[in-house]
C-alpha atoms as a PDB file:
ATOM      1  CA  UNK A   1    -198.483 -64.419  47.726  1.00  0.00           C
ATOM      2  CA  UNK A   2    -199.029 -61.450  50.696  1.00  0.00           C
ATOM      3  CA  UNK A   3    -200.394 -58.812  48.491  1.00  0.00           C
ATOM      4  CA  UNK A   4    -202.380 -60.681  47.361  1.00  0.00           C
ATOM      5  CA  UNK A   5    -203.848 -62.450  50.250  1.00  0.00           C
ATOM      6  CA  UNK A   6    -203.698 -58.952  51.999  1.00  0.00           C
ATOM      7  CA  UNK A   7    -206.399 -58.000  49.455  1.00  0.00           C
ATOM      8  CA  UNK A   8    -208.767 -61.524  49.166  1.00  0.00           C
ATOM      9  CA  UNK A   9    -209.267 -60.667  53.064  1.00  0.00           C
ATOM     10  CA  UNK A  10    -210.155 -57.271  52.128  1.00  0.00           C
ATOM     11  CA  UNK A  11    -212.302 -57.848  49.312  1.00  0.00           C
ATOM     12  CA  UNK A  12    -214.378 -60.078  52.144  1.00  0.00           C
ATOM     13  CA  UNK A  13    -214.886 -56.624  54.600  1.00  0.00           C
ATOM     14  CA  UNK A  14    -216.996 -54.690  54.441  1.00  0.00           C
ATOM     15  CA  UNK A  15    -215.616 -50.986  54.141  1.00  0.00           C
ATOM     16  CA  UNK A  16    -216.557 -49.794  58.152  1.00  0.00           C
ATOM     17  CA  UNK A  17    -214.754 -52.995  59.376  1.00  0.00           C
ATOM     18  CA  UNK A  18    -210.930 -52.144  60.500  1.00  0.00           C
ATOM     19  CA  UNK A  19    -208.175 -55.036  59.166  1.00  0.00           C
ATOM     20  CA  UNK A  20    -205.798 -55.637  61.724  1.00  0.00           C
ATOM     21  CA  UNK A  21    -203.215 -57.856  60.002  1.00  0.00           C
ATOM     22  CA  UNK A  22    -201.618 -59.880  62.486  1.00  0.00           C
ATOM     23  CA  UNK A  23    -197.733 -59.725  62.151  1.00  0.00           C
ATOM     24  CA  UNK A  24    -196.737 -61.478  65.035  1.00  0.00           C
ATOM     25  CA  UNK A  25    -193.502 -64.448  64.925  1.00  0.00           C
ATOM     26  CA  UNK A  26    -193.100 -62.483  61.035  1.00  0.00           C
ATOM     27  CA  UNK A  27    -190.193 -60.506  59.936  1.00  0.00           C
ATOM     28  CA  UNK A  28    -190.268 -56.890  58.697  1.00  0.00           C
ATOM     29  CA  UNK A  29    -189.945 -57.670  54.757  1.00  0.00           C
ATOM     30  CA  UNK A  30    -193.148 -59.575  55.427  1.00  0.00           C
ATOM     31  CA  UNK A  31    -194.833 -56.149  56.812  1.00  0.00           C
ATOM     32  CA  UNK A  32    -193.815 -53.872  54.542  1.00  0.00           C
ATOM     33  CA  UNK A  33    -195.408 -56.087  51.800  1.00  0.00           C
ATOM     34  CA  UNK A  34    -198.624 -55.861  53.478  1.00  0.00           C
ATOM     35  CA  UNK A  35    -197.563 -51.766  53.810  1.00  0.00           C
ATOM     36  CA  UNK A  36    -196.743 -51.595  50.892  1.00  0.00           C
ATOM     37  CA  UNK A  37    -200.342 -52.765  49.446  1.00  0.00           C
ATOM     38  CA  UNK A  38    -202.049 -50.279  51.703  1.00  0.00           C
ATOM     39  CA  UNK A  39    -201.935 -51.911  55.137  1.00  0.00           C
ATOM     40  CA  UNK A  40    -201.249 -50.079  57.867  1.00  0.00           C
ATOM     41  CA  UNK A  41    -202.767 -51.636  60.897  1.00  0.00           C
ATOM     42  CA  UNK A  42    -200.920 -53.818  62.209  1.00  0.00           C
ATOM     43  CA  UNK A  43    -201.227 -55.857  65.471  1.00  0.00           C
ATOM     44  CA  UNK A  44    -198.457 -57.637  67.890  1.00  0.00           C
ATOM     45  CA  UNK A  45    -198.439 -60.147  71.370  1.00  0.00           C
ATOM     46  CA  UNK A  46    -194.916 -59.804  72.150  1.00  0.00           C
ATOM     47  CA  UNK A  47    -194.133 -55.869  73.886  1.00  0.00           C
ATOM     48  CA  UNK A  48    -190.567 -56.484  72.899  1.00  0.00           C
ATOM     49  CA  UNK A  49    -191.222 -57.088  69.245  1.00  0.00           C
ATOM     50  CA  UNK A  50    -193.428 -54.670  68.124  1.00  0.00           C
ATOM     51  CA  UNK A  51    -190.948 -51.889  69.983  1.00  0.00           C
ATOM     52  CA  UNK A  52    -188.370 -53.056  67.224  1.00  0.00           C
ATOM     53  CA  UNK A  53    -190.676 -53.499  64.569  1.00  0.00           C
ATOM     54  CA  UNK A  54    -192.007 -49.852  65.182  1.00  0.00           C
ATOM     55  CA  UNK A  55    -188.281 -48.809  65.446  1.00  0.00           C
ATOM     56  CA  UNK A  56    -187.468 -50.036  62.236  1.00  0.00           C
ATOM     57  CA  UNK A  57    -191.120 -49.835  59.776  1.00  0.00           C
ATOM     58  CA  UNK A  58    -192.776 -46.267  58.668  1.00  0.00           C
ATOM     59  CA  UNK A  59    -193.606 -44.575  61.424  1.00  0.00           C
ATOM     60  CA  UNK A  60    -197.517 -43.855  59.875  1.00  0.00           C
ATOM     61  CA  UNK A  61    -197.747 -47.341  61.245  1.00  0.00           C
ATOM     62  CA  UNK A  62    -201.006 -48.036  63.691  1.00  0.00           C
ATOM     63  CA  UNK A  63    -199.230 -50.961  66.497  1.00  0.00           C
ATOM     64  CA  UNK A  64    -201.677 -52.337  68.522  1.00  0.00           C
ATOM     65  CA  UNK A  65    -200.936 -54.505  70.994  1.00  0.00           C
ATOM     66  CA  UNK A  66    -202.897 -57.835  70.782  1.00  0.00           C
ATOM     67  CA  UNK A  67    -202.077 -60.314  72.911  1.00  0.00           C
ATOM     68  CA  UNK A  68    -201.473 -60.503  77.362  1.00  0.00           C
ATOM     69  CA  UNK A  69    -199.884 -56.599  77.849  1.00  0.00           C
ATOM     70  CA  UNK A  70    -197.830 -57.191  81.746  1.00  0.00           C
ATOM     71  CA  UNK A  71    -197.680 -53.990  83.384  1.00  0.00           C
ATOM     72  CA  UNK A  72    -193.665 -54.372  84.209  1.00  0.00           C
ATOM     73  CA  UNK A  73    -194.146 -53.937  80.151  1.00  0.00           C
ATOM     74  CA  UNK A  74    -196.262 -51.299  78.841  1.00  0.00           C
ATOM     75  CA  UNK A  75    -193.750 -48.521  79.305  1.00  0.00           C
ATOM     76  CA  UNK A  76    -192.173 -49.587  76.782  1.00  0.00           C
ATOM     77  CA  UNK A  77    -195.482 -49.043  74.110  1.00  0.00           C
ATOM     78  CA  UNK A  78    -196.449 -45.883  75.146  1.00  0.00           C
ATOM     79  CA  UNK A  79    -194.512 -44.171  73.102  1.00  0.00           C
ATOM     80  CA  UNK A  80    -196.340 -45.064  69.974  1.00  0.00           C
ATOM     81  CA  UNK A  81    -198.584 -47.755  70.672  1.00  0.00           C
ATOM     82  CA  UNK A  82    -201.896 -46.766  69.164  1.00  0.00           C
ATOM     83  CA  UNK A  83    -204.616 -49.458  70.639  1.00  0.00           C
ATOM     84  CA  UNK A  84    -204.566 -51.848  73.829  1.00  0.00           C
ATOM     85  CA  UNK A  85    -206.751 -54.820  73.373  1.00  0.00           C
ATOM     86  CA  UNK A  86    -206.390 -56.591  76.620  1.00  0.00           C
ATOM     87  CA  UNK A  87    -207.058 -54.964  79.185  1.00  0.00           C
ATOM     88  CA  UNK A  88    -207.647 -57.196  82.115  1.00  0.00           C
ATOM     89  CA  UNK A  89    -207.858 -54.979  85.019  1.00  0.00           C
ATOM     90  CA  UNK A  90    -208.237 -52.278  85.948  1.00  0.00           C
ATOM     91  CA  UNK A  91    -204.368 -52.445  87.605  1.00  0.00           C
ATOM     92  CA  UNK A  92    -203.075 -52.505  83.608  1.00  0.00           C
ATOM     93  CA  UNK A  93    -205.562 -50.048  82.521  1.00  0.00           C
ATOM     94  CA  UNK A  94    -203.486 -47.641  85.445  1.00  0.00           C
ATOM     95  CA  UNK A  95    -200.469 -48.968  84.598  1.00  0.00           C
ATOM     96  CA  UNK A  96    -201.596 -47.646  80.684  1.00  0.00           C
ATOM     97  CA  UNK A  97    -202.672 -43.507  82.264  1.00  0.00           C
ATOM     98  CA  UNK A  98    -199.962 -43.762  84.474  1.00  0.00           C
ATOM     99  CA  UNK A  99    -197.612 -44.137  81.644  1.00  0.00           C
ATOM    100  CA  UNK A 100    -199.463 -42.592  78.614  1.00  0.00           C
ATOM    101  CA  UNK A 101    -199.049 -39.251  80.999  1.00  0.00           C
ATOM    102  CA  UNK A 102    -195.279 -39.497  80.668  1.00  0.00           C
ATOM    103  CA  UNK A 103    -195.572 -39.541  77.158  1.00  0.00           C
ATOM    104  CA  UNK A 104    -198.264 -36.562  77.127  1.00  0.00           C
ATOM    105  CA  UNK A 105    -200.327 -39.065  75.038  1.00  0.00           C
ATOM    106  CA  UNK A 106    -204.084 -40.499  75.026  1.00  0.00           C
ATOM    107  CA  UNK A 107    -203.424 -43.968  74.704  1.00  0.00           C
ATOM    108  CA  UNK A 108    -206.917 -45.726  73.394  1.00  0.00           C
ATOM    109  CA  UNK A 109    -207.263 -49.106  75.039  1.00  0.00           C
ATOM    110  CA  UNK A 110    -210.595 -51.898  74.803  1.00  0.00           C
ATOM    111  CA  UNK A 111    -211.412 -54.293  77.837  1.00  0.00           C
ATOM    112  CA  UNK A 112    -211.327 -58.125  77.638  1.00  0.00           C
ATOM    113  CA  UNK A 113    -213.978 -59.389  78.511  1.00  0.00           C
ATOM    114  CA  UNK A 114    -213.731 -63.391  79.179  1.00  0.00           C
ATOM    115  CA  UNK A 115    -216.351 -64.727  76.528  1.00  0.00           C
ATOM    116  CA  UNK A 116    -214.574 -68.404  76.078  1.00  0.00           C
ATOM    117  CA  UNK A 117    -215.872 -71.339  77.939  1.00  0.00           C
ATOM    118  CA  UNK A 118    -212.093 -72.723  78.285  1.00  0.00           C
ATOM    119  CA  UNK A 119    -210.137 -71.030  81.619  1.00  0.00           C
ATOM    120  CA  UNK A 120    -206.944 -69.805  79.968  1.00  0.00           C
ATOM    121  CA  UNK A 121    -208.477 -66.896  78.231  1.00  0.00           C
ATOM    122  CA  UNK A 122    -207.594 -63.563  79.549  1.00  0.00           C
ATOM    123  CA  UNK A 123    -211.076 -61.436  80.076  1.00  0.00           C
ATOM    124  CA  UNK A 124    -212.881 -59.456  82.636  1.00  0.00           C
ATOM    125  CA  UNK A 125    -216.606 -60.293  83.390  1.00  0.00           C
ATOM    126  CA  UNK A 126    -219.002 -58.359  83.135  1.00  0.00           C
ATOM    127  CA  UNK A 127    -219.754 -56.571  86.769  1.00  0.00           C
ATOM    128  CA  UNK A 128    -215.739 -56.551  86.283  1.00  0.00           C
ATOM    129  CA  UNK A 129    -216.080 -53.975  83.168  1.00  0.00           C
ATOM    130  CA  UNK A 130    -218.580 -52.178  84.727  1.00  0.00           C
ATOM    131  CA  UNK A 131    -216.573 -51.775  87.066  1.00  0.00           C
ATOM    132  CA  UNK A 132    -213.600 -50.784  85.282  1.00  0.00           C
ATOM    133  CA  UNK A 133    -215.196 -47.946  83.303  1.00  0.00           C
ATOM    134  CA  UNK A 134    -217.207 -46.160  86.102  1.00  0.00           C
ATOM    135  CA  UNK A 135    -213.853 -45.534  87.549  1.00  0.00           C
ATOM    136  CA  UNK A 136    -211.762 -45.219  84.262  1.00  0.00           C
ATOM    137  CA  UNK A 137    -213.625 -41.972  84.259  1.00  0.00           C
ATOM    138  CA  UNK A 138    -211.241 -40.224  86.050  1.00  0.00           C
ATOM    139  CA  UNK A 139    -207.828 -41.367  84.333  1.00  0.00           C
ATOM    140  CA  UNK A 140    -207.291 -38.458  81.836  1.00  0.00           C
ATOM    141  CA  UNK A 141    -204.250 -40.048  79.819  1.00  0.00           C
ATOM    142  CA  UNK A 142    -206.414 -43.264  78.693  1.00  0.00           C
ATOM    143  CA  UNK A 143    -209.837 -43.859  76.447  1.00  0.00           C
ATOM    144  CA  UNK A 144    -211.899 -46.603  76.982  1.00  0.00           C
ATOM    145  CA  UNK A 145    -213.197 -47.114  73.170  1.00  0.00           C
ATOM    146  CA  UNK A 146    -214.181 -50.427  72.894  1.00  0.00           C
ATOM    147  CA  UNK A 147    -214.809 -54.921  73.764  1.00  0.00           C
ATOM    148  CA  UNK A 148    -212.309 -57.740  73.161  1.00  0.00           C
ATOM    149  CA  UNK A 149    -213.430 -60.590  73.117  1.00  0.00           C
ATOM    150  CA  UNK A 150    -211.696 -64.170  71.520  1.00  0.00           C
ATOM    151  CA  UNK A 151    -213.864 -67.544  71.500  1.00  0.00           C
ATOM    152  CA  UNK A 152    -214.023 -71.342  72.376  1.00  0.00           C
ATOM    153  CA  UNK A 153    -212.112 -73.073  69.982  1.00  0.00           C
ATOM    154  CA  UNK A 154    -214.259 -75.379  68.869  1.00  0.00           C
ATOM    155  CA  UNK A 155    -215.962 -76.649  65.344  1.00  0.00           C
ATOM    156  CA  UNK A 156    -219.558 -75.950  67.063  1.00  0.00           C
ATOM    157  CA  UNK A 157    -220.578 -72.757  64.904  1.00  0.00           C
ATOM    158  CA  UNK A 158    -223.669 -72.330  67.148  1.00  0.00           C
ATOM    159  CA  UNK A 159    -221.162 -71.964  70.238  1.00  0.00           C
ATOM    160  CA  UNK A 160    -219.241 -69.363  68.438  1.00  0.00           C
ATOM    161  CA  UNK A 161    -221.242 -67.300  67.446  1.00  0.00           C
ATOM    162  CA  UNK A 162    -223.299 -67.116  70.997  1.00  0.00           C
ATOM    163  CA  UNK A 163    -220.598 -66.195  72.040  1.00  0.00           C
ATOM    164  CA  UNK A 164    -220.061 -63.036  69.221  1.00  0.00           C
ATOM    165  CA  UNK A 165    -223.363 -61.892  69.590  1.00  0.00           C
ATOM    166  CA  UNK A 166    -222.622 -62.014  73.875  1.00  0.00           C
ATOM    167  CA  UNK A 167    -220.169 -59.285  73.195  1.00  0.00           C
ATOM    168  CA  UNK A 168    -221.640 -57.139  70.372  1.00  0.00           C
ATOM    169  CA  UNK A 169    -224.529 -57.080  73.206  1.00  0.00           C
ATOM    170  CA  UNK A 170    -222.529 -56.319  75.611  1.00  0.00           C
ATOM    171  CA  UNK A 171    -220.842 -53.393  74.381  1.00  0.00           C
ATOM    172  CA  UNK A 172    -224.951 -51.392  74.151  1.00  0.00           C
ATOM    173  CA  UNK A 173    -225.204 -52.209  77.599  1.00  0.00           C
ATOM    174  CA  UNK A 174    -221.496 -51.002  78.829  1.00  0.00           C
ATOM    175  CA  UNK A 175    -222.049 -47.412  77.319  1.00  0.00           C
ATOM    176  CA  UNK A 176    -221.840 -44.731  79.166  1.00  0.00           C
ATOM    177  CA  UNK A 177    -222.072 -40.577  78.178  1.00  0.00           C
ATOM    178  CA  UNK A 178    -217.989 -40.953  78.710  1.00  0.00           C
ATOM    179  CA  UNK A 179    -217.581 -44.064  77.907  1.00  0.00           C
ATOM    180  CA  UNK A 180    -218.827 -44.712  73.561  1.00  0.00           C
ATOM    181  CA  UNK A 181    -217.431 -48.497  73.116  1.00  0.00           C
ATOM    182  CA  UNK A 182    -217.606 -48.133  69.366  1.00  0.00           C
ATOM    183  CA  UNK A 183    -215.383 -50.561  68.601  1.00  0.00           C
ATOM    184  CA  UNK A 184    -215.947 -54.195  68.684  1.00  0.00           C
ATOM    185  CA  UNK A 185    -212.525 -56.158  68.306  1.00  0.00           C
ATOM    186  CA  UNK A 186    -213.766 -59.800  67.589  1.00  0.00           C
ATOM    187  CA  UNK A 187    -212.986 -62.351  64.893  1.00  0.00           C
ATOM    188  CA  UNK A 188    -209.760 -64.036  64.040  1.00  0.00           C
ATOM    189  CA  UNK A 189    -208.289 -65.810  60.441  1.00  0.00           C
ATOM    190  CA  UNK A 190    -210.983 -68.931  61.362  1.00  0.00           C
ATOM    191  CA  UNK A 191    -213.960 -67.331  62.568  1.00  0.00           C
ATOM    192  CA  UNK A 192    -213.580 -63.971  61.244  1.00  0.00           C
ATOM    193  CA  UNK A 193    -216.583 -63.534  58.659  1.00  0.00           C
ATOM    194  CA  UNK A 194    -218.939 -65.438  61.851  1.00  0.00           C
ATOM    195  CA  UNK A 195    -217.713 -62.376  63.483  1.00  0.00           C
ATOM    196  CA  UNK A 196    -218.971 -59.866  61.128  1.00  0.00           C
ATOM    197  CA  UNK A 197    -221.870 -61.269  61.065  1.00  0.00           C
ATOM    198  CA  UNK A 198    -222.528 -60.533  64.518  1.00  0.00           C
ATOM    199  CA  UNK A 199    -221.858 -57.790  64.747  1.00  0.00           C
ATOM    200  CA  UNK A 200    -217.627 -56.899  64.979  1.00  0.00           C
ATOM    201  CA  UNK A 201    -216.554 -53.598  63.789  1.00  0.00           C
ATOM    202  CA  UNK A 202    -211.789 -54.709  64.061  1.00  0.00           C
ATOM    203  CA  UNK A 203    -210.745 -58.095  62.989  1.00  0.00           C
ATOM    204  CA  UNK A 204    -207.242 -59.832  64.227  1.00  0.00           C
ATOM    205  CA  UNK A 205    -206.214 -61.739  61.007  1.00  0.00           C
ATOM    206  CA  UNK A 206    -203.025 -62.588  60.769  1.00  0.00           C
ATOM    207  CA  UNK A 207    -202.442 -66.513  59.166  1.00  0.00           C
ATOM    208  CA  UNK A 208    -205.069 -66.184  56.116  1.00  0.00           C
ATOM    209  CA  UNK A 209    -202.546 -63.124  55.307  1.00  0.00           C
ATOM    210  CA  UNK A 210    -198.857 -63.929  56.117  1.00  0.00           C
ATOM    211  CA  UNK A 211    -199.208 -67.432  56.064  1.00  0.00           C
ATOM    212  CA  UNK A 212    -198.413 -69.960  58.706  1.00  0.00           C
ATOM    213  CA  UNK A 213    -196.864 -69.348  61.742  1.00  0.00           C
ATOM    214  CA  UNK A 214    -193.399 -69.325  61.904  1.00  0.00           C
END
């Protein structure tokens, strides 16, 4: 079933868009099923789950940290994480840089931008993001490669479209010579097709592949 769902989703995504299969709460067996169908990029939102899965599963999996990341937990994933989606403060970015240096790595990061109307979602505004980018040029063990945002949880398609378009636009405006921002991570199971239309280059899809959350 998972293999079938995965192929269905892949058939709706242009080849230049990266699919992050959101495997949070799912057992290793489900991840292996997707892996055997060719999927290599998986997203987790809890550090301890991701560390345990990375330990047990094939080493060529690219693990994306897609949840809210606390600074004191960075050390547990710094040796293997492929991309951190939710950098929402300079303090967190500096911690990632420090832990990456200890592991002799450069870790790719996305800045999380607050695009939704809900107050509960984390993220930077435009001026905060600009400030982080300018300071990040001195941090040698991280690379800011793009932006991530989560749209308002609403059935108003025009609202969601506007938020996605705004994030894409911001990624163009914030580009610098040293910070190209090639990734725009936006869109989940319910709205990823809309996100792709508005310029998403990376979508995070869980339930459409693995079924409802456990």
